Amino acid sequence: MHPFYGQNSRFFSTKSQPAGAEKNWWIGLVSMVMYLLFWAAAMVMAVRIAKKYVPMPEESGEGRDPAMSIIRERYARGEIDTKEFRQKKAKLS
């Protein structure tokens, strides 16, 4: 058990205090808050590092389909109109 908690909390006791008095109860709370802040900061840093270095999969499957990308490029260049683009897209889907 941690030295600040429970009956063994003599770490910060002084001789002027009576034997059963615990005037430094707040030290345990400060210690607990420090632990929580440390682990919260560690988790935030881990998430930031993971987002930076771990590749995320694409959400839509359209980006990986080469035929669909060709149709999109042709539509963007103006080689096919909207009606033809929708027809070809429906055939590929």
N, C-alpha and C. Protein backbone atom coordinates (compact mmCIF):
# COMPACT_ATOMS: atom_id res chain seq x y z
N MET A 1 0.84 -1.18 0.00
CA MET A 1 0.00 0.00 0.00
C MET A 1 0.88 1.24 0.00
N HIS A 2 0.39 2.30 -0.61
CA HIS A 2 1.12 3.56 -0.70
C HIS A 2 1.30 4.15 0.70
N PRO A 3 2.45 4.77 0.99
CA PRO A 3 2.70 5.27 2.35
C PRO A 3 1.78 6.41 2.77
N PHE A 4 1.12 7.09 1.84
CA PHE A 4 0.24 8.19 2.21
C PHE A 4 -1.14 7.72 2.64
N TYR A 5 -1.50 6.50 2.34
CA TYR A 5 -2.84 6.01 2.61
C TYR A 5 -2.83 5.08 3.81
N GLY A 6 -3.96 4.98 4.45
CA GLY A 6 -4.14 4.00 5.51
C GLY A 6 -3.48 4.38 6.82
N GLN A 7 -3.29 3.40 7.68
CA GLN A 7 -2.79 3.62 9.02
C GLN A 7 -1.29 3.92 9.04
N ASN A 8 -0.58 3.61 7.98
CA ASN A 8 0.87 3.81 7.95
C ASN A 8 1.24 5.16 7.35
N SER A 9 0.42 6.17 7.55
CA SER A 9 0.69 7.47 6.95
C SER A 9 1.53 8.33 7.89
N ARG A 10 2.62 7.82 8.36
CA ARG A 10 3.51 8.53 9.28
C ARG A 10 4.61 9.28 8.52
N PHE A 11 4.53 9.30 7.22
CA PHE A 11 5.60 9.88 6.41
C PHE A 11 5.81 11.36 6.72
N PHE A 12 4.72 12.10 6.86
CA PHE A 12 4.81 13.52 7.12
C PHE A 12 4.37 13.91 8.53
N SER A 13 4.26 12.98 9.41
CA SER A 13 3.82 13.33 10.76
C SER A 13 4.96 14.00 11.51
N THR A 14 4.58 14.89 12.40
CA THR A 14 5.57 15.58 13.24
C THR A 14 5.32 15.18 14.68
N LYS A 15 6.27 15.45 15.52
CA LYS A 15 6.15 15.06 16.93
C LYS A 15 5.14 15.92 17.67
N SER A 16 4.82 17.10 17.13
CA SER A 16 3.86 17.97 17.80
C SER A 16 2.42 17.48 17.61
N GLN A 17 2.18 16.58 16.65
CA GLN A 17 0.84 16.06 16.42
C GLN A 17 0.55 14.94 17.40
N PRO A 18 -0.70 14.86 17.85
CA PRO A 18 -1.08 13.70 18.66
C PRO A 18 -0.97 12.43 17.83
N ALA A 19 -0.91 11.30 18.47
CA ALA A 19 -0.66 10.03 17.80
C ALA A 19 -1.72 9.71 16.74
N GLY A 20 -2.99 9.95 16.98
CA GLY A 20 -4.04 9.57 16.03
C GLY A 20 -4.43 10.66 15.06
N ALA A 21 -3.90 11.86 15.19
CA ALA A 21 -4.31 12.97 14.33
C ALA A 21 -3.61 12.88 12.98
N GLU A 22 -4.41 13.07 11.94
CA GLU A 22 -3.85 13.08 10.58
C GLU A 22 -4.19 14.42 9.96
N LYS A 23 -3.32 15.41 10.13
CA LYS A 23 -3.57 16.74 9.59
C LYS A 23 -3.13 16.86 8.14
N ASN A 24 -2.40 15.91 7.66
CA ASN A 24 -1.88 15.97 6.29
C ASN A 24 -2.61 15.01 5.36
N TRP A 25 -3.93 14.90 5.51
CA TRP A 25 -4.71 14.00 4.66
C TRP A 25 -4.67 14.44 3.20
N TRP A 26 -4.47 15.72 2.95
CA TRP A 26 -4.48 16.25 1.58
C TRP A 26 -3.29 15.77 0.77
N ILE A 27 -2.24 15.31 1.43
CA ILE A 27 -1.06 14.85 0.70
C ILE A 27 -1.41 13.61 -0.14
N GLY A 28 -2.26 12.77 0.39
CA GLY A 28 -2.72 11.60 -0.38
C GLY A 28 -3.50 12.01 -1.61
N LEU A 29 -4.34 13.03 -1.47
CA LEU A 29 -5.10 13.52 -2.63
C LEU A 29 -4.18 14.14 -3.68
N VAL A 30 -3.20 14.89 -3.23
CA VAL A 30 -2.25 15.49 -4.17
C VAL A 30 -1.48 14.40 -4.91
N SER A 31 -1.09 13.38 -4.18
CA SER A 31 -0.37 12.27 -4.80
C SER A 31 -1.24 11.58 -5.85
N MET A 32 -2.51 11.36 -5.52
CA MET A 32 -3.41 10.69 -6.45
C MET A 32 -3.63 11.55 -7.71
N VAL A 33 -3.79 12.85 -7.53
CA VAL A 33 -3.97 13.75 -8.67
C VAL A 33 -2.73 13.76 -9.55
N MET A 34 -1.56 13.73 -8.95
CA MET A 34 -0.32 13.71 -9.72
C MET A 34 -0.22 12.44 -10.56
N TYR A 35 -0.60 11.30 -9.97
CA TYR A 35 -0.60 10.05 -10.74
C TYR A 35 -1.56 10.14 -11.92
N LEU A 36 -2.77 10.67 -11.66
CA LEU A 36 -3.75 10.78 -12.74
C LEU A 36 -3.27 11.72 -13.84
N LEU A 37 -2.69 12.84 -13.47
CA LEU A 37 -2.17 13.77 -14.47
C LEU A 37 -1.03 13.15 -15.29
N PHE A 38 -0.17 12.41 -14.63
CA PHE A 38 0.93 11.76 -15.34
C PHE A 38 0.39 10.78 -16.38
N TRP A 39 -0.55 9.91 -15.97
CA TRP A 39 -1.06 8.92 -16.91
C TRP A 39 -1.91 9.55 -18.00
N ALA A 40 -2.62 10.62 -17.70
CA ALA A 40 -3.38 11.32 -18.73
C ALA A 40 -2.43 11.92 -19.77
N ALA A 41 -1.35 12.53 -19.32
CA ALA A 41 -0.37 13.09 -20.25
C ALA A 41 0.30 11.99 -21.07
N ALA A 42 0.59 10.86 -20.44
CA ALA A 42 1.20 9.75 -21.16
C ALA A 42 0.27 9.22 -22.25
N MET A 43 -1.02 9.13 -21.94
CA MET A 43 -1.98 8.64 -22.94
C MET A 43 -2.15 9.63 -24.09
N VAL A 44 -2.18 10.91 -23.79
CA VAL A 44 -2.29 11.92 -24.85
C VAL A 44 -1.09 11.85 -25.77
N MET A 45 0.09 11.73 -25.22
CA MET A 45 1.29 11.63 -26.05
C MET A 45 1.29 10.35 -26.88
N ALA A 46 0.83 9.24 -26.31
CA ALA A 46 0.78 7.98 -27.05
C ALA A 46 -0.18 8.09 -28.23
N VAL A 47 -1.32 8.73 -28.03
CA VAL A 47 -2.29 8.89 -29.13
C VAL A 47 -1.72 9.79 -30.22
N ARG A 48 -1.06 10.87 -29.83
CA ARG A 48 -0.47 11.76 -30.84
C ARG A 48 0.61 11.05 -31.64
N ILE A 49 1.45 10.28 -30.98
CA ILE A 49 2.49 9.55 -31.69
C ILE A 49 1.88 8.50 -32.61
N ALA A 50 0.84 7.81 -32.13
CA ALA A 50 0.19 6.80 -32.96
C ALA A 50 -0.45 7.42 -34.19
N LYS A 51 -1.09 8.56 -34.03
CA LYS A 51 -1.71 9.22 -35.19
C LYS A 51 -0.67 9.68 -36.20
N LYS A 52 0.50 10.05 -35.70
CA LYS A 52 1.54 10.56 -36.59
C LYS A 52 2.25 9.45 -37.35
N TYR A 53 2.51 8.32 -36.70
CA TYR A 53 3.36 7.30 -37.32
C TYR A 53 2.64 6.03 -37.76
N VAL A 54 1.40 5.80 -37.31
CA VAL A 54 0.68 4.59 -37.70
C VAL A 54 -0.26 4.95 -38.85
N PRO A 55 -0.11 4.28 -39.99
CA PRO A 55 -0.98 4.59 -41.13
C PRO A 55 -2.41 4.12 -40.87
N MET A 56 -3.36 4.96 -41.21
CA MET A 56 -4.77 4.63 -41.04
C MET A 56 -5.33 4.09 -42.35
N PRO A 57 -6.18 3.07 -42.29
CA PRO A 57 -6.78 2.54 -43.52
C PRO A 57 -7.78 3.54 -44.09
N GLU A 58 -7.97 3.48 -45.39
CA GLU A 58 -8.92 4.37 -46.06
C GLU A 58 -10.33 3.95 -45.68
N GLU A 59 -11.20 4.94 -45.50
CA GLU A 59 -12.57 4.63 -45.11
C GLU A 59 -13.41 4.16 -46.28
N SER A 60 -13.21 4.71 -47.45
CA SER A 60 -14.01 4.30 -48.60
C SER A 60 -13.18 3.41 -49.51
N GLY A 61 -13.85 2.45 -50.13
CA GLY A 61 -13.16 1.53 -51.03
C GLY A 61 -12.94 2.11 -52.40
N GLU A 62 -13.55 3.27 -52.70
CA GLU A 62 -13.45 3.84 -54.03
C GLU A 62 -12.03 4.33 -54.34
N GLY A 63 -11.28 4.73 -53.35
CA GLY A 63 -9.95 5.28 -53.59
C GLY A 63 -8.97 4.24 -54.09
N ARG A 64 -9.26 2.97 -53.86
CA ARG A 64 -8.33 1.91 -54.27
C ARG A 64 -8.70 1.27 -55.59
N ASP A 65 -9.88 1.59 -56.12
CA ASP A 65 -10.34 0.97 -57.37
C ASP A 65 -9.76 1.75 -58.56
N PRO A 66 -8.87 1.12 -59.33
CA PRO A 66 -8.24 1.87 -60.44
C PRO A 66 -9.23 2.25 -61.54
N ALA A 67 -10.23 1.41 -61.79
CA ALA A 67 -11.21 1.74 -62.85
C ALA A 67 -12.03 2.96 -62.45
N MET A 68 -12.41 3.03 -61.19
CA MET A 68 -13.20 4.16 -60.72
C MET A 68 -12.38 5.44 -60.74
N SER A 69 -11.10 5.33 -60.41
CA SER A 69 -10.25 6.52 -60.44
C SER A 69 -10.07 7.04 -61.87
N ILE A 70 -10.02 6.13 -62.84
CA ILE A 70 -9.90 6.54 -64.25
C ILE A 70 -11.17 7.27 -64.68
N ILE A 71 -12.33 6.75 -64.28
CA ILE A 71 -13.59 7.40 -64.64
C ILE A 71 -13.66 8.79 -64.01
N ARG A 72 -13.25 8.90 -62.74
CA ARG A 72 -13.26 10.19 -62.07
C ARG A 72 -12.33 11.19 -62.79
N GLU A 73 -11.16 10.72 -63.20
CA GLU A 73 -10.22 11.60 -63.92
C GLU A 73 -10.79 12.05 -65.25
N ARG A 74 -11.42 11.14 -65.97
CA ARG A 74 -12.03 11.49 -67.27
C ARG A 74 -13.16 12.50 -67.08
N TYR A 75 -13.94 12.32 -66.02
CA TYR A 75 -15.02 13.26 -65.72
C TYR A 75 -14.46 14.62 -65.34
N ALA A 76 -13.37 14.63 -64.57
CA ALA A 76 -12.77 15.90 -64.16
C ALA A 76 -12.17 16.65 -65.35
N ARG A 77 -11.63 15.91 -66.32
CA ARG A 77 -11.06 16.54 -67.51
C ARG A 77 -12.13 16.99 -68.51
N GLY A 78 -13.36 16.51 -68.32
CA GLY A 78 -14.45 16.90 -69.22
C GLY A 78 -14.62 15.96 -70.40
N GLU A 79 -13.97 14.82 -70.39
CA GLU A 79 -14.07 13.87 -71.49
C GLU A 79 -15.43 13.18 -71.51
N ILE A 80 -16.04 13.00 -70.34
CA ILE A 80 -17.38 12.39 -70.26
C ILE A 80 -18.28 13.34 -69.47
N ASP A 81 -19.60 13.27 -69.77
CA ASP A 81 -20.53 14.13 -69.05
C ASP A 81 -21.07 13.43 -67.80
N THR A 82 -21.93 14.13 -67.08
CA THR A 82 -22.43 13.61 -65.80
C THR A 82 -23.25 12.35 -65.99
N LYS A 83 -24.07 12.31 -67.03
CA LYS A 83 -24.91 11.13 -67.28
C LYS A 83 -24.05 9.89 -67.55
N GLU A 84 -23.06 10.04 -68.38
CA GLU A 84 -22.17 8.92 -68.69
C GLU A 84 -21.35 8.51 -67.46
N PHE A 85 -20.91 9.50 -66.66
CA PHE A 85 -20.17 9.19 -65.44
C PHE A 85 -21.01 8.36 -64.48
N ARG A 86 -22.28 8.76 -64.30
CA ARG A 86 -23.16 8.02 -63.38
C ARG A 86 -23.45 6.60 -63.90
N GLN A 87 -23.60 6.46 -65.20
CA GLN A 87 -23.84 5.13 -65.77
C GLN A 87 -22.64 4.21 -65.54
N LYS A 88 -21.45 4.71 -65.83
CA LYS A 88 -20.26 3.88 -65.65
C LYS A 88 -20.02 3.58 -64.18
N LYS A 89 -20.29 4.55 -63.33
CA LYS A 89 -20.14 4.33 -61.90
C LYS A 89 -21.11 3.26 -61.39
N ALA A 90 -22.33 3.29 -61.91
CA ALA A 90 -23.33 2.28 -61.50
C ALA A 90 -22.93 0.90 -61.98
N LYS A 91 -22.35 0.79 -63.17
CA LYS A 91 -21.91 -0.50 -63.68
C LYS A 91 -20.75 -1.07 -62.86
N LEU A 92 -19.86 -0.19 -62.42
CA LEU A 92 -18.72 -0.65 -61.64
C LEU A 92 -19.08 -1.01 -60.18
N SER A 93 -20.14 -0.40 -59.67
CA SER A 93 -20.51 -0.64 -58.27
C SER A 93 -21.19 -1.97 -58.05
